[in-house]
């Protein structure tokens, strides 16, 4: 085993001036290259935006100078109709509809489906009720909600094969805010 030699005194060593000088020169060169790189990136972004602007102008000129074909007009109309439909759907108060449907049923109603028809302004609600009286109460509660204009029972059927004999139903509710 070798003996440990601990030296707690610091011996002054001369500073390597040549190494420090090279380090400073390298840092200055790095800073200059970084600045040049940033300037080049700014120039590239400027010229790319110019090219994009010129392409947009040339495509507008091409559209203006060339009449649209019948097929292009139909495609454009269809696209506008679809965009309008999406805007109408996003503008509807979906939360009010869901809250009205969910809070009216309590535990005696199980909702199976909810099918809104924006063109007709209706909502078809399908579900199961514990019994016929619970179904009638649900229809009455939905009718009192501000979201719906009228609620009608479309059909109902007692599930005789089930021992609890639930009532499967389908309602049609006219949605006040859905009218275009």
N, C-alpha and C. Protein backbone atom coordinates (compact mmCIF):
# COMPACT_ATOMS: atom_id res chain seq x y z
N UNK A 1 0.83 -1.16 0.00
CA UNK A 1 0.00 0.00 0.00
C UNK A 1 0.89 1.24 0.00
N UNK A 2 0.49 2.20 -0.78
CA UNK A 2 1.28 3.43 -0.91
C UNK A 2 0.81 4.45 0.11
N UNK A 3 1.70 5.24 0.52
CA UNK A 3 1.37 6.31 1.46
C UNK A 3 0.73 7.46 0.72
N UNK A 4 -0.26 8.05 1.33
CA UNK A 4 -0.94 9.19 0.74
C UNK A 4 -0.12 10.45 0.98
N UNK A 5 -0.07 11.27 -0.04
CA UNK A 5 0.65 12.53 0.10
C UNK A 5 -0.35 13.65 -0.10
N UNK A 6 -0.70 14.34 0.97
CA UNK A 6 -1.66 15.43 0.92
C UNK A 6 -0.91 16.74 0.98
N UNK A 7 -1.24 17.61 0.04
CA UNK A 7 -0.59 18.91 -0.01
C UNK A 7 -1.65 19.97 0.17
N UNK A 8 -1.62 20.61 1.34
CA UNK A 8 -2.63 21.62 1.63
C UNK A 8 -2.15 23.03 1.30
N UNK A 9 -0.97 23.15 0.83
CA UNK A 9 -0.45 24.46 0.45
C UNK A 9 -0.58 24.61 -1.06
N UNK A 10 -1.02 25.75 -1.44
CA UNK A 10 -1.18 26.01 -2.87
C UNK A 10 0.12 26.60 -3.39
N UNK A 11 0.58 25.95 -4.41
CA UNK A 11 1.80 26.43 -5.03
C UNK A 11 1.38 27.31 -6.21
N UNK A 12 1.96 28.51 -6.28
CA UNK A 12 1.62 29.44 -7.35
C UNK A 12 2.23 28.95 -8.65
N UNK A 13 1.32 28.74 -9.64
CA UNK A 13 1.79 28.32 -10.94
C UNK A 13 1.61 29.48 -11.90
N UNK A 14 2.48 29.65 -12.82
CA UNK A 14 2.36 30.78 -13.75
C UNK A 14 1.16 30.58 -14.69
N UNK A 15 0.51 31.69 -15.04
CA UNK A 15 -0.66 31.67 -15.91
C UNK A 15 -0.18 31.48 -17.35
N UNK A 16 -0.81 30.54 -18.08
CA UNK A 16 -0.39 30.32 -19.47
C UNK A 16 -1.01 31.40 -20.36
N UNK A 17 -0.32 32.49 -20.57
CA UNK A 17 -0.83 33.64 -21.31
C UNK A 17 -1.18 33.30 -22.75
N UNK A 18 -0.43 32.44 -23.34
CA UNK A 18 -0.70 32.07 -24.73
C UNK A 18 -2.06 31.36 -24.84
N UNK A 19 -2.37 30.46 -23.92
CA UNK A 19 -3.66 29.75 -23.92
C UNK A 19 -4.83 30.69 -23.68
N UNK A 20 -4.67 31.63 -22.74
CA UNK A 20 -5.73 32.60 -22.48
C UNK A 20 -5.95 33.52 -23.69
N UNK A 21 -4.86 33.89 -24.34
CA UNK A 21 -4.98 34.74 -25.53
C UNK A 21 -5.74 34.03 -26.63
N UNK A 22 -5.44 32.76 -26.85
CA UNK A 22 -6.15 31.98 -27.88
C UNK A 22 -7.62 31.82 -27.52
N UNK A 23 -7.92 31.64 -26.25
CA UNK A 23 -9.31 31.51 -25.81
C UNK A 23 -10.08 32.80 -26.10
N UNK A 24 -9.52 33.94 -25.80
CA UNK A 24 -10.18 35.23 -26.04
C UNK A 24 -10.39 35.43 -27.54
N UNK A 25 -9.39 35.11 -28.34
CA UNK A 25 -9.52 35.26 -29.80
C UNK A 25 -10.63 34.34 -30.31
N UNK A 26 -10.70 33.11 -29.81
CA UNK A 26 -11.73 32.17 -30.25
C UNK A 26 -13.12 32.67 -29.86
N UNK A 27 -13.27 33.23 -28.66
CA UNK A 27 -14.57 33.75 -28.22
C UNK A 27 -15.00 34.95 -29.07
N UNK A 28 -14.08 35.83 -29.40
CA UNK A 28 -14.40 36.97 -30.25
C UNK A 28 -14.81 36.48 -31.64
N UNK A 29 -14.08 35.50 -32.18
CA UNK A 29 -14.42 34.96 -33.49
C UNK A 29 -15.80 34.30 -33.45
N UNK A 30 -16.09 33.59 -32.37
CA UNK A 30 -17.39 32.95 -32.22
C UNK A 30 -18.51 33.99 -32.18
N UNK A 31 -18.30 35.09 -31.46
CA UNK A 31 -19.30 36.15 -31.38
C UNK A 31 -19.52 36.78 -32.75
N UNK A 32 -18.45 37.02 -33.50
CA UNK A 32 -18.59 37.60 -34.84
C UNK A 32 -19.32 36.66 -35.78
N UNK A 33 -19.00 35.39 -35.72
CA UNK A 33 -19.66 34.40 -36.58
C UNK A 33 -21.14 34.29 -36.20
N UNK A 34 -21.45 34.33 -34.91
CA UNK A 34 -22.85 34.29 -34.46
C UNK A 34 -23.63 35.48 -34.97
N UNK A 35 -23.05 36.67 -34.90
CA UNK A 35 -23.71 37.87 -35.41
C UNK A 35 -23.94 37.78 -36.91
N UNK A 36 -22.95 37.28 -37.63
CA UNK A 36 -23.09 37.12 -39.08
C UNK A 36 -24.19 36.10 -39.41
N UNK A 37 -24.25 35.02 -38.63
CA UNK A 37 -25.28 33.99 -38.82
C UNK A 37 -26.68 34.59 -38.61
N UNK A 38 -26.83 35.39 -37.57
CA UNK A 38 -28.12 36.02 -37.30
C UNK A 38 -28.50 36.99 -38.41
N UNK A 39 -27.56 37.75 -38.92
CA UNK A 39 -27.83 38.67 -40.03
C UNK A 39 -28.28 37.90 -41.26
N UNK A 40 -27.62 36.78 -41.56
CA UNK A 40 -28.02 35.97 -42.71
C UNK A 40 -29.43 35.40 -42.53
N UNK A 41 -29.76 34.95 -41.33
CA UNK A 41 -31.12 34.44 -41.07
C UNK A 41 -32.16 35.52 -41.28
N UNK A 42 -31.88 36.73 -40.85
CA UNK A 42 -32.82 37.83 -41.05
C UNK A 42 -33.00 38.13 -42.54
N UNK A 43 -31.93 38.09 -43.29
CA UNK A 43 -32.02 38.33 -44.72
C UNK A 43 -32.83 37.23 -45.41
N UNK A 44 -32.61 36.00 -45.00
CA UNK A 44 -33.36 34.86 -45.58
C UNK A 44 -34.84 35.03 -45.29
N UNK A 45 -35.19 35.37 -44.05
CA UNK A 45 -36.60 35.55 -43.69
C UNK A 45 -37.22 36.70 -44.49
N UNK A 46 -36.47 37.77 -44.68
CA UNK A 46 -36.97 38.90 -45.46
C UNK A 46 -37.26 38.48 -46.90
N UNK A 47 -36.33 37.80 -47.51
CA UNK A 47 -36.51 37.41 -48.92
C UNK A 47 -37.60 36.35 -49.08
N UNK A 48 -37.71 35.45 -48.12
CA UNK A 48 -38.79 34.45 -48.18
C UNK A 48 -40.16 35.11 -48.07
N UNK A 49 -40.28 36.11 -47.21
CA UNK A 49 -41.56 36.82 -47.10
C UNK A 49 -41.87 37.58 -48.38
N UNK A 50 -40.84 38.15 -49.02
CA UNK A 50 -41.04 38.83 -50.31
C UNK A 50 -41.54 37.85 -51.36
N UNK A 51 -40.93 36.67 -51.43
CA UNK A 51 -41.32 35.66 -52.42
C UNK A 51 -42.76 35.22 -52.16
N UNK A 52 -43.10 34.98 -50.90
CA UNK A 52 -44.45 34.56 -50.55
C UNK A 52 -45.47 35.65 -50.92
N UNK A 53 -45.13 36.90 -50.66
CA UNK A 53 -46.02 38.00 -51.00
C UNK A 53 -46.22 38.07 -52.52
N UNK A 54 -45.15 37.94 -53.27
CA UNK A 54 -45.25 37.98 -54.73
C UNK A 54 -46.06 36.81 -55.27
N UNK A 55 -45.91 35.63 -54.66
CA UNK A 55 -46.70 34.47 -55.09
C UNK A 55 -48.19 34.70 -54.83
N UNK A 56 -48.51 35.28 -53.67
CA UNK A 56 -49.92 35.58 -53.38
C UNK A 56 -50.49 36.58 -54.37
N UNK A 57 -49.72 37.60 -54.69
CA UNK A 57 -50.18 38.59 -55.66
C UNK A 57 -50.37 37.97 -57.04
N UNK A 58 -49.45 37.12 -57.45
CA UNK A 58 -49.57 36.51 -58.78
C UNK A 58 -50.74 35.53 -58.83
N UNK A 59 -51.02 34.82 -57.72
CA UNK A 59 -52.16 33.90 -57.73
C UNK A 59 -53.47 34.69 -57.75
N UNK A 60 -53.52 35.84 -57.08
CA UNK A 60 -54.72 36.67 -57.13
C UNK A 60 -54.95 37.20 -58.55
N UNK A 61 -53.88 37.63 -59.16
CA UNK A 61 -54.00 38.13 -60.53
C UNK A 61 -54.48 37.03 -61.46
N UNK A 62 -53.96 35.83 -61.25
CA UNK A 62 -54.37 34.71 -62.10
C UNK A 62 -55.85 34.39 -61.89
N UNK A 63 -56.32 34.49 -60.63
CA UNK A 63 -57.73 34.21 -60.36
C UNK A 63 -58.63 35.29 -60.96
N UNK A 64 -58.18 36.53 -60.88
CA UNK A 64 -58.99 37.63 -61.39
C UNK A 64 -59.03 37.60 -62.92
N UNK A 65 -57.90 37.30 -63.53
CA UNK A 65 -57.85 37.36 -64.98
C UNK A 65 -58.51 36.16 -65.65
N UNK A 66 -58.61 35.06 -64.95
CA UNK A 66 -59.16 33.84 -65.54
C UNK A 66 -60.55 33.60 -64.96
N UNK A 67 -61.59 33.46 -65.78
CA UNK A 67 -62.93 33.21 -65.25
C UNK A 67 -63.02 31.79 -64.66
N UNK A 68 -63.82 31.67 -63.61
CA UNK A 68 -63.98 30.38 -62.94
C UNK A 68 -64.85 29.45 -63.79
N UNK A 69 -64.50 28.20 -63.79
CA UNK A 69 -65.31 27.21 -64.49
C UNK A 69 -66.54 26.90 -63.64
N UNK A 70 -67.53 26.29 -64.26
CA UNK A 70 -68.76 25.94 -63.55
C UNK A 70 -68.46 24.99 -62.39
N UNK A 71 -67.55 24.07 -62.63
CA UNK A 71 -67.19 23.11 -61.59
C UNK A 71 -66.49 23.82 -60.42
N UNK A 72 -65.63 24.79 -60.72
CA UNK A 72 -64.95 25.53 -59.66
C UNK A 72 -65.94 26.36 -58.86
N UNK A 73 -66.94 26.92 -59.54
CA UNK A 73 -67.96 27.71 -58.85
C UNK A 73 -68.76 26.82 -57.91
N UNK A 74 -69.14 25.62 -58.39
CA UNK A 74 -69.89 24.68 -57.53
C UNK A 74 -69.06 24.25 -56.33
N UNK A 75 -67.78 23.98 -56.57
CA UNK A 75 -66.90 23.55 -55.47
C UNK A 75 -66.76 24.68 -54.45
N UNK A 76 -66.63 25.90 -54.93
CA UNK A 76 -66.51 27.04 -54.03
C UNK A 76 -67.79 27.25 -53.23
N UNK A 77 -68.95 27.11 -53.88
CA UNK A 77 -70.23 27.24 -53.19
C UNK A 77 -70.37 26.18 -52.10
N UNK A 78 -70.00 24.95 -52.44
CA UNK A 78 -70.09 23.85 -51.48
C UNK A 78 -69.19 24.12 -50.28
N UNK A 79 -68.00 24.62 -50.55
CA UNK A 79 -67.08 24.93 -49.46
C UNK A 79 -67.63 26.03 -48.56
N UNK A 80 -68.24 27.04 -49.15
CA UNK A 80 -68.84 28.13 -48.36
C UNK A 80 -70.00 27.60 -47.53
N UNK A 81 -70.83 26.73 -48.11
CA UNK A 81 -71.96 26.15 -47.35
C UNK A 81 -71.46 25.33 -46.18
N UNK A 82 -70.41 24.54 -46.40
CA UNK A 82 -69.86 23.73 -45.31
C UNK A 82 -69.28 24.62 -44.22
N UNK A 83 -68.60 25.68 -44.61
CA UNK A 83 -68.04 26.60 -43.61
C UNK A 83 -69.16 27.27 -42.81
N UNK A 84 -70.24 27.66 -43.49
CA UNK A 84 -71.38 28.26 -42.78
C UNK A 84 -72.02 27.29 -41.82
N UNK A 85 -72.12 26.02 -42.23
CA UNK A 85 -72.70 25.01 -41.35
C UNK A 85 -71.84 24.81 -40.10
N UNK A 86 -70.54 24.80 -40.27
CA UNK A 86 -69.65 24.66 -39.12
C UNK A 86 -69.79 25.86 -38.19
N UNK A 87 -69.90 27.05 -38.76
CA UNK A 87 -70.07 28.26 -37.94
C UNK A 87 -71.39 28.19 -37.17
N UNK A 88 -72.47 27.73 -37.83
CA UNK A 88 -73.76 27.58 -37.13
C UNK A 88 -73.65 26.57 -36.00
N UNK A 89 -72.97 25.45 -36.25
CA UNK A 89 -72.84 24.43 -35.21
C UNK A 89 -72.05 24.96 -34.02
N UNK A 90 -70.99 25.71 -34.30
CA UNK A 90 -70.19 26.23 -33.20
C UNK A 90 -70.93 27.32 -32.42
N UNK A 91 -71.86 28.00 -33.08
CA UNK A 91 -72.60 29.07 -32.42
C UNK A 91 -73.75 28.59 -31.57
N UNK A 92 -74.10 27.34 -31.67
CA UNK A 92 -75.24 26.83 -30.89
C UNK A 92 -74.86 26.61 -29.43
N UNK A 93 -75.81 26.81 -28.52
CA UNK A 93 -75.53 26.63 -27.09
C UNK A 93 -75.60 25.14 -26.70
N UNK A 94 -74.56 24.40 -27.03
CA UNK A 94 -74.55 22.96 -26.75
C UNK A 94 -74.65 22.67 -25.26
N UNK A 95 -73.99 23.47 -24.43
CA UNK A 95 -74.03 23.21 -22.98
C UNK A 95 -75.45 23.30 -22.43
N UNK A 96 -76.22 24.27 -22.90
CA UNK A 96 -77.60 24.41 -22.43
C UNK A 96 -78.42 23.18 -22.81
N UNK A 97 -78.21 22.69 -24.03
CA UNK A 97 -78.92 21.49 -24.48
C UNK A 97 -78.55 20.29 -23.61
N UNK A 98 -77.27 20.05 -23.44
CA UNK A 98 -76.84 18.89 -22.65
C UNK A 98 -77.30 19.00 -21.20
N UNK A 99 -77.21 20.18 -20.62
CA UNK A 99 -77.67 20.36 -19.24
C UNK A 99 -79.16 20.08 -19.11
N UNK A 100 -79.95 20.57 -20.06
CA UNK A 100 -81.40 20.36 -20.00
C UNK A 100 -81.74 18.88 -20.11
N UNK A 101 -81.08 18.17 -20.99
CA UNK A 101 -81.38 16.75 -21.20
C UNK A 101 -80.91 15.92 -20.01
N UNK A 102 -79.72 16.23 -19.49
CA UNK A 102 -79.16 15.42 -18.41
C UNK A 102 -79.85 15.67 -17.07
N UNK A 103 -80.18 16.91 -16.77
CA UNK A 103 -80.73 17.22 -15.45
C UNK A 103 -82.22 16.92 -15.33
N UNK A 104 -82.89 16.68 -16.42
CA UNK A 104 -84.33 16.41 -16.36
C UNK A 104 -84.64 14.96 -16.00
N UNK A 105 -83.75 14.04 -16.24
CA UNK A 105 -84.06 12.63 -16.15
C UNK A 105 -83.95 11.95 -14.82
N UNK A 106 -83.15 12.44 -13.92
CA UNK A 106 -82.89 11.80 -12.64
C UNK A 106 -82.41 10.36 -12.85
N UNK A 107 -82.67 9.48 -11.90
CA UNK A 107 -82.18 8.10 -11.98
C UNK A 107 -83.13 7.16 -12.71
N UNK A 108 -84.32 7.59 -12.95
CA UNK A 108 -85.31 6.71 -13.58
C UNK A 108 -85.20 6.71 -15.10
N UNK A 109 -84.33 7.56 -15.67
CA UNK A 109 -84.17 7.67 -17.13
C UNK A 109 -82.72 7.35 -17.48
N UNK A 110 -82.54 6.51 -18.48
CA UNK A 110 -81.21 6.22 -19.01
C UNK A 110 -81.19 6.67 -20.47
N UNK A 111 -80.35 7.64 -20.78
CA UNK A 111 -80.27 8.14 -22.15
C UNK A 111 -79.40 7.21 -22.99
N UNK A 112 -79.88 6.89 -24.19
CA UNK A 112 -79.13 6.02 -25.09
C UNK A 112 -78.50 6.79 -26.24
N UNK A 113 -79.22 7.79 -26.76
CA UNK A 113 -78.64 8.58 -27.85
C UNK A 113 -79.27 9.96 -27.90
N UNK A 114 -78.52 10.87 -28.49
CA UNK A 114 -78.95 12.25 -28.66
C UNK A 114 -78.52 12.65 -30.07
N UNK A 115 -79.49 12.92 -30.96
CA UNK A 115 -79.20 13.19 -32.37
C UNK A 115 -79.75 14.54 -32.78
N UNK A 116 -78.92 15.59 -32.74
CA UNK A 116 -79.41 16.91 -33.18
C UNK A 116 -79.46 16.99 -34.70
N UNK A 117 -80.49 17.64 -35.22
CA UNK A 117 -80.62 17.91 -36.66
C UNK A 117 -80.70 19.42 -36.80
N UNK A 118 -79.57 20.02 -37.22
CA UNK A 118 -79.50 21.48 -37.27
C UNK A 118 -80.40 22.07 -38.35
N UNK A 119 -80.59 21.35 -39.46
CA UNK A 119 -81.41 21.87 -40.54
C UNK A 119 -82.88 21.98 -40.12
N UNK A 120 -83.37 20.99 -39.39
CA UNK A 120 -84.76 21.00 -38.96
C UNK A 120 -84.95 21.69 -37.61
N UNK A 121 -83.84 21.88 -36.88
CA UNK A 121 -83.94 22.50 -35.57
C UNK A 121 -84.53 21.57 -34.53
N UNK A 122 -84.25 20.27 -34.66
CA UNK A 122 -84.79 19.29 -33.72
C UNK A 122 -83.68 18.47 -33.09
N UNK A 123 -84.03 17.82 -32.01
CA UNK A 123 -83.14 16.89 -31.33
C UNK A 123 -83.93 15.63 -31.05
N UNK A 124 -83.42 14.49 -31.52
CA UNK A 124 -84.06 13.21 -31.25
C UNK A 124 -83.35 12.59 -30.04
N UNK A 125 -84.13 12.27 -29.03
CA UNK A 125 -83.59 11.72 -27.79
C UNK A 125 -84.13 10.32 -27.63
N UNK A 126 -83.24 9.35 -27.48
CA UNK A 126 -83.64 7.96 -27.26
C UNK A 126 -83.14 7.52 -25.90
N UNK A 127 -83.94 6.67 -25.25
CA UNK A 127 -83.52 6.20 -23.94
C UNK A 127 -84.47 5.16 -23.39
N UNK A 128 -84.25 4.83 -22.12
CA UNK A 128 -85.10 3.88 -21.40
C UNK A 128 -85.55 4.52 -20.10
N UNK A 129 -86.81 4.32 -19.79
CA UNK A 129 -87.38 4.82 -18.54
C UNK A 129 -87.73 3.62 -17.66
N UNK A 130 -87.71 3.85 -16.37
CA UNK A 130 -88.03 2.79 -15.42
C UNK A 130 -89.46 2.29 -15.61
N UNK A 131 -90.37 3.25 -15.84
CA UNK A 131 -91.76 2.90 -16.12
C UNK A 131 -92.39 4.03 -16.95
N UNK A 132 -93.64 3.85 -17.33
CA UNK A 132 -94.29 4.83 -18.20
C UNK A 132 -94.48 6.18 -17.50
N UNK A 133 -94.76 6.16 -16.20
CA UNK A 133 -94.94 7.42 -15.46
C UNK A 133 -93.63 8.22 -15.42
N UNK A 134 -92.51 7.53 -15.25
CA UNK A 134 -91.21 8.22 -15.27
C UNK A 134 -90.96 8.85 -16.63
N UNK A 135 -91.36 8.15 -17.70
CA UNK A 135 -91.22 8.69 -19.05
C UNK A 135 -92.05 9.95 -19.22
N UNK A 136 -93.30 9.93 -18.77
CA UNK A 136 -94.16 11.10 -18.89
C UNK A 136 -93.61 12.28 -18.08
N UNK A 137 -93.08 11.99 -16.89
CA UNK A 137 -92.47 13.05 -16.09
C UNK A 137 -91.26 13.67 -16.82
N UNK A 138 -90.47 12.82 -17.47
CA UNK A 138 -89.31 13.30 -18.21
C UNK A 138 -89.73 14.20 -19.36
N UNK A 139 -90.75 13.81 -20.09
CA UNK A 139 -91.26 14.63 -21.20
C UNK A 139 -91.76 15.97 -20.66
N UNK A 140 -92.45 15.93 -19.55
CA UNK A 140 -92.99 17.16 -18.95
C UNK A 140 -91.84 18.07 -18.50
N UNK A 141 -90.81 17.50 -17.88
CA UNK A 141 -89.68 18.31 -17.43
C UNK A 141 -88.94 18.92 -18.61
N UNK A 142 -88.74 18.15 -19.68
CA UNK A 142 -88.07 18.69 -20.86
C UNK A 142 -88.89 19.82 -21.48
N UNK A 143 -90.20 19.70 -21.45
CA UNK A 143 -91.06 20.73 -22.04
C UNK A 143 -90.94 22.06 -21.32
N UNK A 144 -90.58 22.02 -20.05
CA UNK A 144 -90.48 23.26 -19.28
C UNK A 144 -89.13 23.95 -19.45
N UNK A 145 -88.18 23.29 -20.07
CA UNK A 145 -86.84 23.87 -20.26
C UNK A 145 -86.89 24.95 -21.33
N UNK A 146 -86.12 26.01 -21.14
CA UNK A 146 -86.09 27.13 -22.07
C UNK A 146 -85.45 26.75 -23.41
N UNK A 147 -84.63 25.73 -23.42
CA UNK A 147 -83.92 25.34 -24.63
C UNK A 147 -84.87 24.79 -25.68
N UNK A 148 -85.93 24.11 -25.22
CA UNK A 148 -86.84 23.44 -26.14
C UNK A 148 -88.15 24.20 -26.30
N UNK A 149 -88.62 24.23 -27.56
CA UNK A 149 -89.92 24.84 -27.82
C UNK A 149 -91.03 23.85 -27.51
N UNK A 150 -90.94 22.65 -28.07
CA UNK A 150 -91.93 21.62 -27.79
C UNK A 150 -91.21 20.28 -27.75
N UNK A 151 -91.75 19.37 -26.95
CA UNK A 151 -91.20 18.02 -26.83
C UNK A 151 -92.32 17.04 -27.06
N UNK A 152 -92.11 16.12 -28.01
CA UNK A 152 -93.15 15.15 -28.35
C UNK A 152 -92.60 13.74 -28.24
N UNK A 153 -93.42 12.86 -27.72
CA UNK A 153 -93.08 11.45 -27.64
C UNK A 153 -93.37 10.83 -29.01
N UNK A 154 -92.31 10.37 -29.68
CA UNK A 154 -92.50 9.77 -31.01
C UNK A 154 -92.99 8.33 -30.90
N UNK A 155 -92.30 7.55 -30.07
CA UNK A 155 -92.75 6.18 -29.86
C UNK A 155 -92.22 5.67 -28.52
N UNK A 156 -92.85 4.62 -28.05
CA UNK A 156 -92.40 3.97 -26.83
C UNK A 156 -92.75 2.49 -26.93
N UNK A 157 -91.99 1.69 -26.20
CA UNK A 157 -92.22 0.25 -26.23
C UNK A 157 -91.78 -0.34 -24.89
N UNK A 158 -92.66 -1.12 -24.29
CA UNK A 158 -92.34 -1.78 -23.03
C UNK A 158 -91.51 -3.02 -23.35
N UNK A 159 -90.37 -3.14 -22.70
CA UNK A 159 -89.48 -4.28 -22.92
C UNK A 159 -89.98 -5.46 -22.07
N UNK A 160 -90.79 -6.30 -22.68
CA UNK A 160 -91.42 -7.40 -21.94
C UNK A 160 -90.45 -8.52 -21.60
N UNK A 161 -89.37 -8.63 -22.35
CA UNK A 161 -88.41 -9.70 -22.08
C UNK A 161 -87.51 -9.38 -20.88
N UNK A 162 -87.51 -8.14 -20.44
CA UNK A 162 -86.73 -7.72 -19.28
C UNK A 162 -87.62 -7.86 -18.05
N UNK A 163 -87.12 -8.45 -16.94
CA UNK A 163 -87.96 -8.65 -15.74
C UNK A 163 -88.45 -7.33 -15.12
N UNK A 164 -87.69 -6.23 -15.28
CA UNK A 164 -88.11 -4.96 -14.70
C UNK A 164 -89.07 -4.21 -15.62
N UNK A 165 -89.21 -4.66 -16.86
CA UNK A 165 -90.11 -4.10 -17.87
C UNK A 165 -89.92 -2.59 -18.07
N UNK A 166 -88.70 -2.18 -18.45
CA UNK A 166 -88.48 -0.75 -18.72
C UNK A 166 -89.16 -0.33 -20.02
N UNK A 167 -89.32 0.95 -20.19
CA UNK A 167 -89.96 1.50 -21.38
C UNK A 167 -88.88 2.15 -22.23
N UNK A 168 -88.68 1.64 -23.42
CA UNK A 168 -87.75 2.24 -24.38
C UNK A 168 -88.52 3.29 -25.17
N UNK A 169 -87.93 4.48 -25.32
CA UNK A 169 -88.68 5.57 -25.94
C UNK A 169 -87.81 6.36 -26.91
N UNK A 170 -88.51 7.18 -27.68
CA UNK A 170 -87.87 8.10 -28.61
C UNK A 170 -88.66 9.40 -28.58
N UNK A 171 -87.97 10.50 -28.29
CA UNK A 171 -88.59 11.82 -28.21
C UNK A 171 -88.07 12.70 -29.34
N UNK A 172 -88.90 13.65 -29.75
CA UNK A 172 -88.46 14.66 -30.70
C UNK A 172 -88.71 16.02 -30.06
N UNK A 173 -87.61 16.76 -29.85
CA UNK A 173 -87.71 18.07 -29.22
C UNK A 173 -87.28 19.13 -30.22
N UNK A 174 -88.07 20.19 -30.32
CA UNK A 174 -87.71 21.31 -31.18
C UNK A 174 -86.82 22.26 -30.40
N UNK A 175 -85.66 22.48 -30.94
CA UNK A 175 -84.62 23.26 -30.29
C UNK A 175 -84.80 24.72 -30.68
N UNK A 176 -85.10 25.58 -29.70
CA UNK A 176 -85.37 26.99 -29.99
C UNK A 176 -84.20 27.69 -30.65
N UNK A 177 -82.98 27.52 -30.13
CA UNK A 177 -81.80 28.23 -30.63
C UNK A 177 -81.29 27.63 -31.93
N UNK A 178 -81.80 26.47 -32.36
CA UNK A 178 -81.28 25.83 -33.56
C UNK A 178 -81.85 26.38 -34.84
N UNK A 179 -82.91 27.16 -34.74
CA UNK A 179 -83.53 27.70 -35.96
C UNK A 179 -82.57 28.64 -36.66
N UNK A 180 -82.31 28.41 -37.97
CA UNK A 180 -81.34 29.24 -38.67
C UNK A 180 -81.83 30.64 -38.92
